[in-house]
Amino acid sequence: MSLLIGSHNKSRTFPQLETLQLSSCNLTEFPEFIKSQNKLTYLDLSNNRIHGLVPNWLWKSTLDVLHLSSNAIDIPNQFPFDDANSSFPMLRWLDLRYCNISMFPAFLKSQESLIALDLSNNQIRGAVPNWQNNFSSSIPDFGGATLLSTLQVNDNKLEGKLPSSLVNCTSLKILNLGNSTLHDTFPLWLGKLPRLMVLILLANRFYGPIKHLENNFPALNVLDIASNKFFGKLSIEFFQATHKLRSLKINGNNLEGKLPRSLANCRNLEVLDLGKNMIHDTFLTGEVSIEFFQSLRGMMVIDGNKAKLIYVGDNFYYQDSVTLVNK
């Protein structure tokens, strides 16, 4: 679909809109009529061919949801507000995926109402700074984002350590930091987040042993730490603390030793990938005990017209399946 809007036609007026959705319309510039829209709460300009600096007039203080993904845009450093801390007091959902952004937008540090932030698949790079000092392109301090439930900054070029201020995001449910160059030990302190359900750290430079988690990560059901530099043995406490897991990927590390038998306590487990480690155990050779798989009820798919189906891997954050074949 293509949309042609006469941006220079001064005689044309538009009604005051609250919702405007112009995604996938082959737009090449920001529609100028938005400049006079003072009641917008929902704006979707995603998946167009817009390029260049986002004009200041697009950033409405009334916005609740803003989708600008899949455009070649740049974010201004300055905004036309006297009080930077209240620039976008209503903004709860911000989608800037695939925008070729090279740094974290500075205004994010004061967005206390944000619930979902997606900056994945950009070109953000740099070391992790203290945002209150010199802000640069890196993971910022999220100390004020107590309402944030989704944070996706995967597929960037981030470096350094995770900011400890993430522990203040007590509403966080989904944290995706995959496919960057973060260099840190396993963030056990994230286990204090009571609602964290999805933690993805794959394909970074995390290193060191994974110590026992005690009573941390009470809600975690997806953990992906594949393709890092973790080493050492997996403790019994690890699987006792993560008994709610539905997906566990620890492949591509340097983990060693035997698998704790407490793995059988993970009865909800649907996806398990232990490959490319140094784990050695007779547990993984010869015939696999049918009782073991019977204990992993989450892996079951019941085949029958009258049976209730339990699907394997039917989650947005993992699309894996497991097939067991006896020969």
Foldseek 3Di string as FASTA:
>chain_A
DADDDDQPPPVDADDQDQEDADDPHQDAADRNNLLPRQRHAYYAHDHHAHAEEDDLSNQHLNYAEYHHAPYQYEYDQDHPDPDLLSSNQRHAYYHHHHHQYAADRLSQQNHQNHAEDAHAHHAQEDEEDASVPPGTRAAYQNLRNLNHAYDHHAHYAHEEADDPSVLSNLNHAEDAHYDYAYEEEDPLSVQNRARHAEDHHDDYAYEEEDDANAQGNQRYAYYAHAQYAYEEEDDLNNCVNRLQHQEDHHENYAYEEEDDPSVLSNQLHQYDHHYHYHYDDCCPDDDHDPVSVVSNNNNDADDDPPDDGRDGQPDPVGNDHDDDDDD
